[in-house]
Amino acid sequence: MDGAPLNLNSSNAVQVLLLIGGLTLVPAVLFTVTGFSRILIVLGFIRTAVGTASAPPNQVLVGIALFLTIFVMAPTINAIKKDAIEPLTHHAISTTTAIKRAEEPLREFMFRQTRTQDISLFVSLAHDKTPHKRVEVPTQVLIPAFIVSELKTAFQIGFLIFLPFLIIDLIVSSTLMSMGMIMLPPTFISLPFKILLFVLVDGWDLVIKALVQSFH
C-alpha cells in the first residue's frame, strides 16, 4: 500500500515531463506540417514589395499568419479532434492509436500541397524503394517534401505580388531620369503610389483570398 502513491506520483511526473517536452515541439510542428510557412512568407513579400520596411511589424504579420493558419487548417484540426483526441480522452483508444489516427489527416493535408517531384526527390535521397501508393510514403519523407513545396509555392505567389510594384518603380525611375532629377531617390516618390495602388485594389483582401484558395 505504501508503494502505490509513489508509483502514481512517478507516473504523473513522467506525464508532466513528456507534456513539457512536447510543448517545445509545437513551433516546429507549426512550421513544418501546416500552411504557416507559406502564409508568413507571402505576407513578408507583400511588405517588401510595397516598400514599407516595418509596417506591418513582424508581430502583426506572425499574428495574421497564425490565425490564417488556424482558419486553413480547421478541417484537419476537426478531423484530428474527432478521430483521435476525443476517443483518447474517453479512454476508447490507446495513445499509440491516437497518434496514428492524428497523423492521417495531417498526411492527407500535406499530400494535397506537395508536388510529386519533391516526394520523389526525398525518396531518392533516403534511398528507399519507389512508393506506388500514398500509404507507402514514410512521414519522414513526406514532411521535408511538403516544406520544399511550400517554399516553392510561396515564392511563386511572391513573384506575382512583386510584378505590379516593380512596374511602378520602373515607371517612376524612368520619369525621374527623363526629368533630370537623378539625385531624388525613386523609392521616395514611388512609395506613396504603391501604397495607394495597394489600398485602391483592396490588396489585403485579394492576397488573403488567393492564399486561402491556394490550399484548396
N, C-alpha and C. Protein backbone atom coordinates (compact mmCIF):
# COMPACT_ATOMS: atom_id res chain seq x y z
N MET A 1 0.83 -1.20 0.00
CA MET A 1 0.00 0.00 0.00
C MET A 1 0.86 1.26 0.00
N ASP A 2 2.03 1.17 0.70
CA ASP A 2 2.88 2.34 0.76
C ASP A 2 3.50 2.66 -0.60
N GLY A 3 3.66 1.63 -1.45
CA GLY A 3 4.31 1.86 -2.74
C GLY A 3 3.39 2.43 -3.80
N ALA A 4 2.04 2.27 -3.61
CA ALA A 4 1.09 2.71 -4.63
C ALA A 4 1.14 4.21 -4.89
N PRO A 5 1.10 5.07 -3.83
CA PRO A 5 1.17 6.50 -4.08
C PRO A 5 2.48 6.91 -4.76
N LEU A 6 3.57 6.23 -4.45
CA LEU A 6 4.86 6.55 -5.06
C LEU A 6 4.82 6.27 -6.56
N ASN A 7 4.21 5.14 -6.95
CA ASN A 7 4.10 4.80 -8.36
C ASN A 7 3.21 5.79 -9.08
N LEU A 8 2.12 6.21 -8.41
CA LEU A 8 1.21 7.17 -9.02
C LEU A 8 1.91 8.51 -9.23
N ASN A 9 2.65 8.95 -8.22
CA ASN A 9 3.37 10.21 -8.34
C ASN A 9 4.44 10.14 -9.43
N SER A 10 5.11 9.01 -9.51
CA SER A 10 6.13 8.83 -10.53
C SER A 10 5.51 8.87 -11.92
N SER A 11 4.35 8.23 -12.06
CA SER A 11 3.66 8.23 -13.35
C SER A 11 3.24 9.64 -13.74
N ASN A 12 2.71 10.39 -12.78
CA ASN A 12 2.31 11.78 -13.05
C ASN A 12 3.51 12.63 -13.44
N ALA A 13 4.62 12.40 -12.77
CA ALA A 13 5.83 13.19 -13.06
C ALA A 13 6.31 12.91 -14.49
N VAL A 14 6.24 11.65 -14.89
CA VAL A 14 6.66 11.30 -16.26
C VAL A 14 5.73 11.95 -17.28
N GLN A 15 4.42 11.94 -17.00
CA GLN A 15 3.46 12.54 -17.92
C GLN A 15 3.70 14.04 -18.05
N VAL A 16 3.95 14.71 -16.92
CA VAL A 16 4.23 16.15 -16.95
C VAL A 16 5.51 16.43 -17.73
N LEU A 17 6.53 15.58 -17.53
CA LEU A 17 7.79 15.75 -18.25
C LEU A 17 7.58 15.58 -19.75
N LEU A 18 6.81 14.59 -20.14
CA LEU A 18 6.52 14.37 -21.56
C LEU A 18 5.72 15.53 -22.14
N LEU A 19 4.79 16.07 -21.35
CA LEU A 19 3.98 17.19 -21.82
C LEU A 19 4.85 18.42 -22.06
N ILE A 20 5.75 18.69 -21.11
CA ILE A 20 6.64 19.85 -21.27
C ILE A 20 7.55 19.66 -22.49
N GLY A 21 8.06 18.45 -22.65
CA GLY A 21 8.89 18.16 -23.82
C GLY A 21 8.11 18.30 -25.12
N GLY A 22 6.83 17.89 -25.09
CA GLY A 22 6.01 18.01 -26.29
C GLY A 22 5.71 19.45 -26.66
N LEU A 23 5.57 20.31 -25.64
CA LEU A 23 5.30 21.72 -25.91
C LEU A 23 6.44 22.40 -26.65
N THR A 24 7.65 21.93 -26.42
CA THR A 24 8.80 22.53 -27.12
C THR A 24 8.78 22.20 -28.61
N LEU A 25 8.03 21.17 -28.99
CA LEU A 25 7.96 20.79 -30.40
C LEU A 25 6.84 21.50 -31.15
N VAL A 26 5.98 22.24 -30.41
CA VAL A 26 4.84 22.91 -31.05
C VAL A 26 5.28 23.88 -32.14
N PRO A 27 6.28 24.76 -31.90
CA PRO A 27 6.71 25.65 -33.00
C PRO A 27 7.20 24.89 -34.23
N ALA A 28 7.94 23.80 -34.00
CA ALA A 28 8.44 23.02 -35.13
C ALA A 28 7.29 22.41 -35.92
N VAL A 29 6.29 21.89 -35.20
CA VAL A 29 5.12 21.31 -35.87
C VAL A 29 4.37 22.39 -36.65
N LEU A 30 4.24 23.59 -36.03
CA LEU A 30 3.53 24.69 -36.67
C LEU A 30 4.19 25.07 -38.00
N PHE A 31 5.51 25.07 -38.03
CA PHE A 31 6.24 25.48 -39.24
C PHE A 31 6.29 24.38 -40.28
N THR A 32 6.30 23.12 -39.87
CA THR A 32 6.63 22.04 -40.80
C THR A 32 5.44 21.28 -41.36
N VAL A 33 4.32 21.21 -40.67
CA VAL A 33 3.21 20.37 -41.15
C VAL A 33 1.93 21.17 -41.36
N THR A 34 2.00 22.50 -41.34
CA THR A 34 0.84 23.34 -41.60
C THR A 34 1.19 24.34 -42.70
N GLY A 35 0.22 25.18 -43.03
CA GLY A 35 0.45 26.20 -44.05
C GLY A 35 1.04 27.49 -43.51
N PHE A 36 1.52 27.47 -42.27
CA PHE A 36 2.02 28.68 -41.63
C PHE A 36 3.19 29.30 -42.40
N SER A 37 4.12 28.47 -42.84
CA SER A 37 5.31 28.99 -43.53
C SER A 37 4.93 29.71 -44.81
N ARG A 38 4.05 29.10 -45.62
CA ARG A 38 3.64 29.73 -46.88
C ARG A 38 2.99 31.08 -46.61
N ILE A 39 2.09 31.12 -45.65
CA ILE A 39 1.35 32.35 -45.36
C ILE A 39 2.29 33.45 -44.88
N LEU A 40 3.19 33.11 -43.96
CA LEU A 40 4.09 34.11 -43.40
C LEU A 40 5.06 34.64 -44.45
N ILE A 41 5.57 33.76 -45.31
CA ILE A 41 6.50 34.19 -46.35
C ILE A 41 5.81 35.13 -47.34
N VAL A 42 4.58 34.80 -47.73
CA VAL A 42 3.85 35.66 -48.67
C VAL A 42 3.57 37.02 -48.05
N LEU A 43 3.18 37.05 -46.78
CA LEU A 43 2.94 38.32 -46.10
C LEU A 43 4.23 39.15 -46.04
N GLY A 44 5.36 38.48 -45.83
CA GLY A 44 6.64 39.19 -45.85
C GLY A 44 6.95 39.75 -47.23
N PHE A 45 6.60 39.01 -48.29
CA PHE A 45 6.80 39.50 -49.65
C PHE A 45 5.97 40.76 -49.90
N ILE A 46 4.76 40.79 -49.36
CA ILE A 46 3.90 41.97 -49.55
C ILE A 46 4.57 43.20 -48.96
N ARG A 47 5.06 43.06 -47.74
CA ARG A 47 5.69 44.21 -47.07
C ARG A 47 6.93 44.67 -47.84
N THR A 48 7.72 43.72 -48.34
CA THR A 48 8.92 44.08 -49.09
C THR A 48 8.57 44.72 -50.43
N ALA A 49 7.54 44.18 -51.10
CA ALA A 49 7.16 44.71 -52.41
C ALA A 49 6.62 46.13 -52.31
N VAL A 50 5.81 46.38 -51.30
CA VAL A 50 5.27 47.73 -51.12
C VAL A 50 6.38 48.70 -50.76
N GLY A 51 7.36 48.22 -49.98
CA GLY A 51 8.49 49.06 -49.63
C GLY A 51 8.45 49.62 -48.23
N THR A 52 7.47 49.18 -47.44
CA THR A 52 7.40 49.62 -46.05
C THR A 52 8.22 48.66 -45.20
N ALA A 53 9.32 49.13 -44.68
CA ALA A 53 10.27 48.24 -44.00
C ALA A 53 9.72 47.64 -42.72
N SER A 54 8.91 48.38 -41.99
CA SER A 54 8.44 47.90 -40.67
C SER A 54 6.94 48.04 -40.50
N ALA A 55 6.20 48.15 -41.56
CA ALA A 55 4.75 48.25 -41.46
C ALA A 55 4.12 47.30 -42.47
N PRO A 56 3.36 46.30 -42.01
CA PRO A 56 3.08 45.96 -40.61
C PRO A 56 4.33 45.36 -39.93
N PRO A 57 4.44 45.52 -38.61
CA PRO A 57 5.59 44.95 -37.90
C PRO A 57 5.54 43.43 -37.89
N ASN A 58 6.67 42.81 -37.52
CA ASN A 58 6.76 41.35 -37.54
C ASN A 58 5.71 40.69 -36.65
N GLN A 59 5.42 41.28 -35.49
CA GLN A 59 4.46 40.68 -34.58
C GLN A 59 3.07 40.61 -35.22
N VAL A 60 2.71 41.65 -35.97
CA VAL A 60 1.41 41.65 -36.63
C VAL A 60 1.36 40.60 -37.73
N LEU A 61 2.43 40.50 -38.52
CA LEU A 61 2.47 39.51 -39.60
C LEU A 61 2.37 38.09 -39.04
N VAL A 62 3.10 37.83 -37.95
CA VAL A 62 3.05 36.49 -37.35
C VAL A 62 1.66 36.20 -36.80
N GLY A 63 1.02 37.21 -36.18
CA GLY A 63 -0.34 37.02 -35.68
C GLY A 63 -1.33 36.74 -36.79
N ILE A 64 -1.24 37.50 -37.89
CA ILE A 64 -2.12 37.25 -39.04
C ILE A 64 -1.89 35.86 -39.60
N ALA A 65 -0.60 35.49 -39.75
CA ALA A 65 -0.27 34.17 -40.30
C ALA A 65 -0.79 33.05 -39.40
N LEU A 66 -0.70 33.26 -38.09
CA LEU A 66 -1.16 32.22 -37.14
C LEU A 66 -2.65 31.97 -37.27
N PHE A 67 -3.45 33.04 -37.28
CA PHE A 67 -4.89 32.85 -37.32
C PHE A 67 -5.38 32.44 -38.71
N LEU A 68 -4.67 32.86 -39.77
CA LEU A 68 -5.00 32.34 -41.09
C LEU A 68 -4.68 30.85 -41.19
N THR A 69 -3.60 30.44 -40.51
CA THR A 69 -3.26 29.02 -40.49
C THR A 69 -4.34 28.22 -39.78
N ILE A 70 -4.83 28.73 -38.65
CA ILE A 70 -5.91 28.05 -37.94
C ILE A 70 -7.15 27.96 -38.82
N PHE A 71 -7.44 29.03 -39.57
CA PHE A 71 -8.59 29.03 -40.47
C PHE A 71 -8.43 27.99 -41.57
N VAL A 72 -7.26 27.94 -42.18
CA VAL A 72 -7.00 27.00 -43.28
C VAL A 72 -6.98 25.56 -42.77
N MET A 73 -6.41 25.36 -41.58
CA MET A 73 -6.25 24.02 -41.04
C MET A 73 -7.47 23.53 -40.27
N ALA A 74 -8.54 24.32 -40.20
CA ALA A 74 -9.72 23.96 -39.40
C ALA A 74 -10.28 22.58 -39.75
N PRO A 75 -10.46 22.22 -41.04
CA PRO A 75 -10.97 20.87 -41.33
C PRO A 75 -10.05 19.76 -40.83
N THR A 76 -8.74 19.97 -40.97
CA THR A 76 -7.78 18.97 -40.49
C THR A 76 -7.80 18.88 -38.97
N ILE A 77 -7.86 20.03 -38.31
CA ILE A 77 -7.90 20.05 -36.84
C ILE A 77 -9.16 19.36 -36.33
N ASN A 78 -10.29 19.63 -36.99
CA ASN A 78 -11.55 18.99 -36.58
C ASN A 78 -11.49 17.48 -36.76
N ALA A 79 -10.87 17.04 -37.84
CA ALA A 79 -10.73 15.60 -38.08
C ALA A 79 -9.87 14.95 -37.02
N ILE A 80 -8.77 15.60 -36.64
CA ILE A 80 -7.90 15.07 -35.58
C ILE A 80 -8.64 15.02 -34.26
N LYS A 81 -9.40 16.07 -33.97
CA LYS A 81 -10.16 16.12 -32.72
C LYS A 81 -11.20 15.00 -32.65
N LYS A 82 -11.88 14.78 -33.78
CA LYS A 82 -12.95 13.77 -33.81
C LYS A 82 -12.41 12.35 -33.77
N ASP A 83 -11.35 12.09 -34.54
CA ASP A 83 -10.86 10.72 -34.69
C ASP A 83 -9.83 10.31 -33.65
N ALA A 84 -9.12 11.28 -33.07
CA ALA A 84 -8.01 10.94 -32.17
C ALA A 84 -8.18 11.48 -30.76
N ILE A 85 -8.39 12.80 -30.64
CA ILE A 85 -8.38 13.41 -29.31
C ILE A 85 -9.58 12.99 -28.48
N GLU A 86 -10.78 13.07 -29.05
CA GLU A 86 -11.98 12.73 -28.28
C GLU A 86 -12.00 11.26 -27.86
N PRO A 87 -11.70 10.29 -28.76
CA PRO A 87 -11.64 8.89 -28.29
C PRO A 87 -10.57 8.66 -27.23
N LEU A 88 -9.45 9.39 -27.32
CA LEU A 88 -8.39 9.23 -26.33
C LEU A 88 -8.82 9.75 -24.97
N THR A 89 -9.49 10.90 -24.96
CA THR A 89 -9.94 11.46 -23.68
C THR A 89 -11.01 10.60 -23.03
N HIS A 90 -11.77 9.87 -23.84
CA HIS A 90 -12.77 8.96 -23.29
C HIS A 90 -12.21 7.55 -23.06
N HIS A 91 -10.88 7.42 -23.19
CA HIS A 91 -10.19 6.15 -22.95
C HIS A 91 -10.71 5.03 -23.85
N ALA A 92 -11.16 5.41 -25.06
CA ALA A 92 -11.65 4.40 -26.01
C ALA A 92 -10.51 3.81 -26.84
N ILE A 93 -9.42 4.54 -26.97
CA ILE A 93 -8.27 4.07 -27.73
C ILE A 93 -7.00 4.37 -26.94
N SER A 94 -5.92 3.72 -27.34
CA SER A 94 -4.63 3.95 -26.68
C SER A 94 -3.94 5.19 -27.26
N THR A 95 -2.89 5.62 -26.59
CA THR A 95 -2.14 6.79 -27.07
C THR A 95 -1.49 6.52 -28.42
N THR A 96 -0.99 5.31 -28.61
CA THR A 96 -0.36 4.95 -29.89
C THR A 96 -1.37 5.00 -31.03
N THR A 97 -2.56 4.48 -30.78
CA THR A 97 -3.61 4.52 -31.80
C THR A 97 -4.03 5.95 -32.08
N ALA A 98 -4.10 6.77 -31.05
CA ALA A 98 -4.48 8.18 -31.22
C ALA A 98 -3.47 8.91 -32.08
N ILE A 99 -2.18 8.64 -31.87
CA ILE A 99 -1.13 9.28 -32.66
C ILE A 99 -1.26 8.88 -34.13
N LYS A 100 -1.51 7.59 -34.37
CA LYS A 100 -1.66 7.13 -35.75
C LYS A 100 -2.88 7.76 -36.43
N ARG A 101 -3.98 7.87 -35.68
CA ARG A 101 -5.18 8.49 -36.25
C ARG A 101 -4.98 9.98 -36.49
N ALA A 102 -4.25 10.65 -35.61
CA ALA A 102 -3.99 12.08 -35.79
C ALA A 102 -3.06 12.34 -36.97
N GLU A 103 -2.22 11.36 -37.25
CA GLU A 103 -1.27 11.51 -38.35
C GLU A 103 -1.95 11.45 -39.71
N GLU A 104 -3.04 10.72 -39.82
CA GLU A 104 -3.70 10.52 -41.11
C GLU A 104 -4.24 11.82 -41.72
N PRO A 105 -5.01 12.65 -40.97
CA PRO A 105 -5.47 13.91 -41.58
C PRO A 105 -4.33 14.85 -41.95
N LEU A 106 -3.26 14.87 -41.13
CA LEU A 106 -2.12 15.72 -41.45
C LEU A 106 -1.43 15.26 -42.73
N ARG A 107 -1.28 13.95 -42.87
CA ARG A 107 -0.67 13.41 -44.09
C ARG A 107 -1.53 13.73 -45.31
N GLU A 108 -2.83 13.63 -45.16
CA GLU A 108 -3.73 13.93 -46.27
C GLU A 108 -3.59 15.40 -46.68
N PHE A 109 -3.51 16.29 -45.69
CA PHE A 109 -3.32 17.71 -46.00
C PHE A 109 -1.99 17.95 -46.70
N MET A 110 -0.93 17.35 -46.20
CA MET A 110 0.39 17.55 -46.79
C MET A 110 0.47 16.98 -48.20
N PHE A 111 -0.17 15.82 -48.42
CA PHE A 111 -0.16 15.24 -49.77
C PHE A 111 -0.83 16.17 -50.78
N ARG A 112 -1.90 16.86 -50.38
CA ARG A 112 -2.60 17.75 -51.30
C ARG A 112 -1.74 18.94 -51.70
N GLN A 113 -0.81 19.35 -50.84
CA GLN A 113 0.01 20.52 -51.09
C GLN A 113 1.41 20.19 -51.61
N THR A 114 1.75 18.92 -51.68
CA THR A 114 3.12 18.52 -52.02
C THR A 114 3.20 18.05 -53.46
N ARG A 115 4.20 18.51 -54.15
CA ARG A 115 4.42 18.09 -55.54
C ARG A 115 5.03 16.70 -55.57
N THR A 116 4.66 15.95 -56.60
CA THR A 116 5.17 14.58 -56.75
C THR A 116 6.68 14.57 -56.93
N GLN A 117 7.21 15.57 -57.64
CA GLN A 117 8.66 15.61 -57.87
C GLN A 117 9.43 15.84 -56.57
N ASP A 118 8.84 16.58 -55.63
CA ASP A 118 9.50 16.79 -54.33
C ASP A 118 9.50 15.51 -53.50
N ILE A 119 8.41 14.76 -53.58
CA ILE A 119 8.38 13.47 -52.89
C ILE A 119 9.41 12.53 -53.49
N SER A 120 9.48 12.51 -54.81
CA SER A 120 10.47 11.65 -55.48
C SER A 120 11.89 12.02 -55.10
N LEU A 121 12.14 13.33 -54.96
CA LEU A 121 13.48 13.80 -54.58
C LEU A 121 13.89 13.22 -53.23
N PHE A 122 13.03 13.32 -52.23
CA PHE A 122 13.39 12.87 -50.90
C PHE A 122 13.34 11.35 -50.77
N VAL A 123 12.54 10.70 -51.60
CA VAL A 123 12.57 9.23 -51.62
C VAL A 123 13.93 8.76 -52.14
N SER A 124 14.42 9.43 -53.19
CA SER A 124 15.73 9.06 -53.72
C SER A 124 16.85 9.40 -52.74
N LEU A 125 16.74 10.53 -52.05
CA LEU A 125 17.76 10.90 -51.07
C LEU A 125 17.78 9.94 -49.88
N ALA A 126 16.60 9.39 -49.55
CA ALA A 126 16.51 8.44 -48.44
C ALA A 126 16.89 7.03 -48.86
N HIS A 127 17.10 6.83 -50.19
CA HIS A 127 17.45 5.51 -50.74
C HIS A 127 16.39 4.46 -50.41
N ASP A 128 15.13 4.91 -50.43
CA ASP A 128 14.01 3.98 -50.23
C ASP A 128 13.51 3.50 -51.58
N LYS A 129 12.76 2.41 -51.54
CA LYS A 129 12.15 1.92 -52.77
C LYS A 129 11.03 2.86 -53.20
N THR A 130 10.82 2.96 -54.49
CA THR A 130 9.82 3.89 -55.02
C THR A 130 8.42 3.48 -54.57
N PRO A 131 7.70 4.37 -53.86
CA PRO A 131 6.35 4.01 -53.42
C PRO A 131 5.36 4.12 -54.56
N HIS A 132 4.38 3.25 -54.55
CA HIS A 132 3.34 3.27 -55.56
C HIS A 132 2.02 3.79 -55.01
N LYS A 133 1.91 3.87 -53.71
CA LYS A 133 0.72 4.38 -53.05
C LYS A 133 1.13 5.40 -51.99
N ARG A 134 0.18 6.25 -51.61
CA ARG A 134 0.47 7.25 -50.58
C ARG A 134 0.83 6.61 -49.25
N VAL A 135 0.20 5.48 -48.97
CA VAL A 135 0.45 4.81 -47.69
C VAL A 135 1.90 4.38 -47.58
N GLU A 136 2.53 4.12 -48.71
CA GLU A 136 3.91 3.63 -48.70
C GLU A 136 4.93 4.75 -48.51
N VAL A 137 4.50 6.00 -48.58
CA VAL A 137 5.42 7.13 -48.39
C VAL A 137 5.61 7.38 -46.90
N PRO A 138 6.82 7.24 -46.37
CA PRO A 138 7.04 7.47 -44.94
C PRO A 138 6.83 8.94 -44.58
N THR A 139 6.40 9.16 -43.35
CA THR A 139 6.15 10.54 -42.90
C THR A 139 7.44 11.35 -42.88
N GLN A 140 8.56 10.71 -42.54
CA GLN A 140 9.84 11.43 -42.51
C GLN A 140 10.29 11.84 -43.90
N VAL A 141 9.72 11.26 -44.93
CA VAL A 141 9.98 11.68 -46.31
C VAL A 141 8.96 12.73 -46.74
N LEU A 142 7.73 12.57 -46.31
CA LEU A 142 6.65 13.47 -46.71
C LEU A 142 6.86 14.89 -46.16
N ILE A 143 7.29 15.00 -44.90
CA ILE A 143 7.40 16.31 -44.26
C ILE A 143 8.41 17.22 -44.96
N PRO A 144 9.66 16.79 -45.21
CA PRO A 144 10.58 17.69 -45.94
C PRO A 144 10.12 17.99 -47.35
N ALA A 145 9.48 17.02 -48.01
CA ALA A 145 8.95 17.28 -49.35
C ALA A 145 7.85 18.34 -49.29
N PHE A 146 7.03 18.27 -48.27
CA PHE A 146 5.97 19.27 -48.08
C PHE A 146 6.57 20.65 -47.82
N ILE A 147 7.62 20.72 -47.02
CA ILE A 147 8.26 22.01 -46.72
C ILE A 147 8.82 22.64 -47.99
N VAL A 148 9.50 21.85 -48.81
CA VAL A 148 10.08 22.37 -50.05
C VAL A 148 8.97 22.85 -50.99
N SER A 149 7.89 22.10 -51.08
CA SER A 149 6.77 22.50 -51.93
C SER A 149 6.14 23.80 -51.43
N GLU A 150 6.06 23.95 -50.12
CA GLU A 150 5.51 25.19 -49.55
C GLU A 150 6.39 26.38 -49.89
N LEU A 151 7.71 26.19 -49.83
CA LEU A 151 8.62 27.28 -50.17
C LEU A 151 8.47 27.66 -51.64
N LYS A 152 8.37 26.66 -52.51
CA LYS A 152 8.21 26.94 -53.94
C LYS A 152 6.91 27.72 -54.20
N THR A 153 5.82 27.27 -53.59
CA THR A 153 4.53 27.93 -53.80
C THR A 153 4.56 29.35 -53.27
N ALA A 154 5.17 29.54 -52.09
CA ALA A 154 5.24 30.88 -51.50
C ALA A 154 6.04 31.83 -52.39
N PHE A 155 7.14 31.36 -52.95
CA PHE A 155 7.96 32.22 -53.80
C PHE A 155 7.27 32.49 -55.14
N GLN A 156 6.49 31.55 -55.64
CA GLN A 156 5.73 31.80 -56.86
C GLN A 156 4.69 32.89 -56.63
N ILE A 157 3.98 32.81 -55.52
CA ILE A 157 3.00 33.85 -55.19
C ILE A 157 3.70 35.19 -54.97
N GLY A 158 4.85 35.15 -54.28
CA GLY A 158 5.61 36.37 -54.04
C GLY A 158 6.06 37.03 -55.33
N PHE A 159 6.45 36.23 -56.31
CA PHE A 159 6.86 36.78 -57.62
C PHE A 159 5.71 37.54 -58.27
N LEU A 160 4.51 36.96 -58.22
CA LEU A 160 3.34 37.61 -58.82
C LEU A 160 2.98 38.89 -58.07
N ILE A 161 3.23 38.90 -56.77
CA ILE A 161 2.96 40.11 -55.98
C ILE A 161 3.94 41.22 -56.34
N PHE A 162 5.18 40.86 -56.60
CA PHE A 162 6.22 41.85 -56.87
C PHE A 162 6.03 42.56 -58.21
N LEU A 163 5.45 41.88 -59.20
CA LEU A 163 5.40 42.42 -60.56
C LEU A 163 4.77 43.81 -60.66
N PRO A 164 3.53 44.02 -60.18
CA PRO A 164 2.94 45.36 -60.34
C PRO A 164 3.72 46.45 -59.63
N PHE A 165 4.29 46.14 -58.46
CA PHE A 165 5.07 47.15 -57.74
C PHE A 165 6.39 47.43 -58.45
N LEU A 166 6.96 46.41 -59.09
CA LEU A 166 8.18 46.62 -59.87
C LEU A 166 7.94 47.53 -61.06
N ILE A 167 6.77 47.36 -61.67
CA ILE A 167 6.42 48.22 -62.81
C ILE A 167 6.31 49.68 -62.36
N ILE A 168 5.72 49.91 -61.20
CA ILE A 168 5.61 51.27 -60.67
C ILE A 168 7.00 51.85 -60.44
N ASP A 169 7.89 51.07 -59.85
CA ASP A 169 9.26 51.54 -59.60
C ASP A 169 9.96 51.90 -60.91
N LEU A 170 9.78 51.06 -61.94
CA LEU A 170 10.42 51.34 -63.23
C LEU A 170 9.87 52.61 -63.87
N ILE A 171 8.55 52.79 -63.79
CA ILE A 171 7.94 53.99 -64.37
C ILE A 171 8.44 55.24 -63.66
N VAL A 172 8.46 55.21 -62.34
CA VAL A 172 8.92 56.36 -61.57
C VAL A 172 10.39 56.65 -61.86
N SER A 173 11.21 55.59 -61.91
CA SER A 173 12.64 55.79 -62.18
C SER A 173 12.86 56.39 -63.56
N SER A 174 12.15 55.88 -64.57
CA SER A 174 12.29 56.40 -65.93
C SER A 174 11.84 57.85 -66.01
N THR A 175 10.75 58.18 -65.30
CA THR A 175 10.25 59.55 -65.31
C THR A 175 11.25 60.51 -64.68
N LEU A 176 11.82 60.11 -63.55
CA LEU A 176 12.80 60.97 -62.87
C LEU A 176 14.05 61.14 -63.72
N MET A 177 14.48 60.07 -64.39
CA MET A 177 15.67 60.17 -65.24
C MET A 177 15.42 61.12 -66.41
N SER A 178 14.23 61.02 -67.01
CA SER A 178 13.92 61.89 -68.14
C SER A 178 13.80 63.35 -67.73
N MET A 179 13.44 63.59 -66.49
CA MET A 179 13.32 64.97 -65.98
C MET A 179 14.64 65.49 -65.42
N GLY A 180 15.66 64.62 -65.40
CA GLY A 180 16.95 65.03 -64.89
C GLY A 180 17.05 65.08 -63.38
N MET A 181 16.07 64.50 -62.71
CA MET A 181 16.06 64.52 -61.24
C MET A 181 16.76 63.27 -60.71
N ILE A 182 18.06 63.18 -60.98
CA ILE A 182 18.81 61.98 -60.64
C ILE A 182 19.05 61.87 -59.14
N MET A 183 19.19 62.99 -58.46
CA MET A 183 19.52 62.98 -57.04
C MET A 183 18.34 62.58 -56.16
N LEU A 184 17.14 62.62 -56.70
CA LEU A 184 15.95 62.27 -55.91
C LEU A 184 15.75 60.77 -55.93
N PRO A 185 15.72 60.10 -54.77
CA PRO A 185 15.55 58.63 -54.75
C PRO A 185 14.20 58.22 -55.34
N PRO A 186 14.19 57.30 -56.31
CA PRO A 186 12.91 56.87 -56.91
C PRO A 186 11.95 56.28 -55.89
N THR A 187 12.49 55.54 -54.90
CA THR A 187 11.61 54.91 -53.91
C THR A 187 10.86 55.95 -53.09
N PHE A 188 11.43 57.14 -52.93
CA PHE A 188 10.77 58.20 -52.17
C PHE A 188 9.50 58.66 -52.87
N ILE A 189 9.51 58.60 -54.20
CA ILE A 189 8.34 59.01 -54.98
C ILE A 189 7.38 57.84 -55.19
N SER A 190 7.94 56.65 -55.44
CA SER A 190 7.09 55.51 -55.78
C SER A 190 6.34 54.93 -54.59
N LEU A 191 6.88 55.10 -53.38
CA LEU A 191 6.24 54.51 -52.20
C LEU A 191 4.80 54.95 -52.01
N PRO A 192 4.48 56.24 -52.07
CA PRO A 192 3.06 56.62 -51.92
C PRO A 192 2.17 56.03 -53.01
N PHE A 193 2.69 55.96 -54.25
CA PHE A 193 1.89 55.39 -55.33
C PHE A 193 1.64 53.90 -55.11
N LYS A 194 2.64 53.18 -54.60
CA LYS A 194 2.46 51.75 -54.35
C LYS A 194 1.46 51.52 -53.22
N ILE A 195 1.55 52.32 -52.18
CA ILE A 195 0.58 52.19 -51.08
C ILE A 195 -0.83 52.51 -51.57
N LEU A 196 -0.94 53.59 -52.39
CA LEU A 196 -2.25 53.96 -52.92
C LEU A 196 -2.82 52.86 -53.80
N LEU A 197 -1.98 52.28 -54.68
CA LEU A 197 -2.43 51.19 -55.53
C LEU A 197 -2.90 50.00 -54.70
N PHE A 198 -2.13 49.66 -53.69
CA PHE A 198 -2.47 48.51 -52.85
C PHE A 198 -3.80 48.72 -52.13
N VAL A 199 -4.05 49.95 -51.70
CA VAL A 199 -5.29 50.24 -50.99
C VAL A 199 -6.47 50.26 -51.96
N LEU A 200 -6.28 50.87 -53.13
CA LEU A 200 -7.39 51.01 -54.08
C LEU A 200 -7.89 49.66 -54.60
N VAL A 201 -6.98 48.72 -54.78
CA VAL A 201 -7.39 47.41 -55.31
C VAL A 201 -7.76 46.42 -54.20
N ASP A 202 -7.86 46.92 -52.94
CA ASP A 202 -8.13 46.03 -51.80
C ASP A 202 -7.10 44.90 -51.75
N GLY A 203 -5.84 45.30 -51.70
CA GLY A 203 -4.74 44.34 -51.79
C GLY A 203 -4.76 43.27 -50.73
N TRP A 204 -5.08 43.64 -49.49
CA TRP A 204 -5.09 42.63 -48.43
C TRP A 204 -6.16 41.58 -48.68
N ASP A 205 -7.35 42.02 -49.12
CA ASP A 205 -8.41 41.07 -49.42
C ASP A 205 -8.00 40.12 -50.55
N LEU A 206 -7.40 40.68 -51.60
CA LEU A 206 -7.01 39.86 -52.74
C LEU A 206 -5.94 38.85 -52.37
N VAL A 207 -4.94 39.29 -51.60
CA VAL A 207 -3.85 38.40 -51.24
C VAL A 207 -4.33 37.30 -50.30
N ILE A 208 -5.11 37.67 -49.30
CA ILE A 208 -5.60 36.67 -48.35
C ILE A 208 -6.53 35.68 -49.04
N LYS A 209 -7.37 36.17 -49.95
CA LYS A 209 -8.23 35.27 -50.70
C LYS A 209 -7.42 34.29 -51.54
N ALA A 210 -6.38 34.82 -52.21
CA ALA A 210 -5.53 33.96 -53.03
C ALA A 210 -4.78 32.95 -52.16
N LEU A 211 -4.34 33.38 -50.99
CA LEU A 211 -3.62 32.47 -50.09
C LEU A 211 -4.52 31.32 -49.63
N VAL A 212 -5.71 31.66 -49.18
CA VAL A 212 -6.62 30.62 -48.68
C VAL A 212 -7.00 29.66 -49.80
N GLN A 213 -7.30 30.22 -50.99
CA GLN A 213 -7.68 29.36 -52.11
C GLN A 213 -6.53 28.51 -52.62
N SER A 214 -5.30 28.93 -52.38
CA SER A 214 -4.15 28.14 -52.82
C SER A 214 -4.02 26.82 -52.07
N PHE A 215 -4.70 26.69 -50.94
CA PHE A 215 -4.66 25.45 -50.18
C PHE A 215 -5.76 24.47 -50.59
N HIS A 216 -6.66 24.90 -51.46
CA HIS A 216 -7.77 24.03 -51.86
C HIS A 216 -7.45 23.29 -53.16
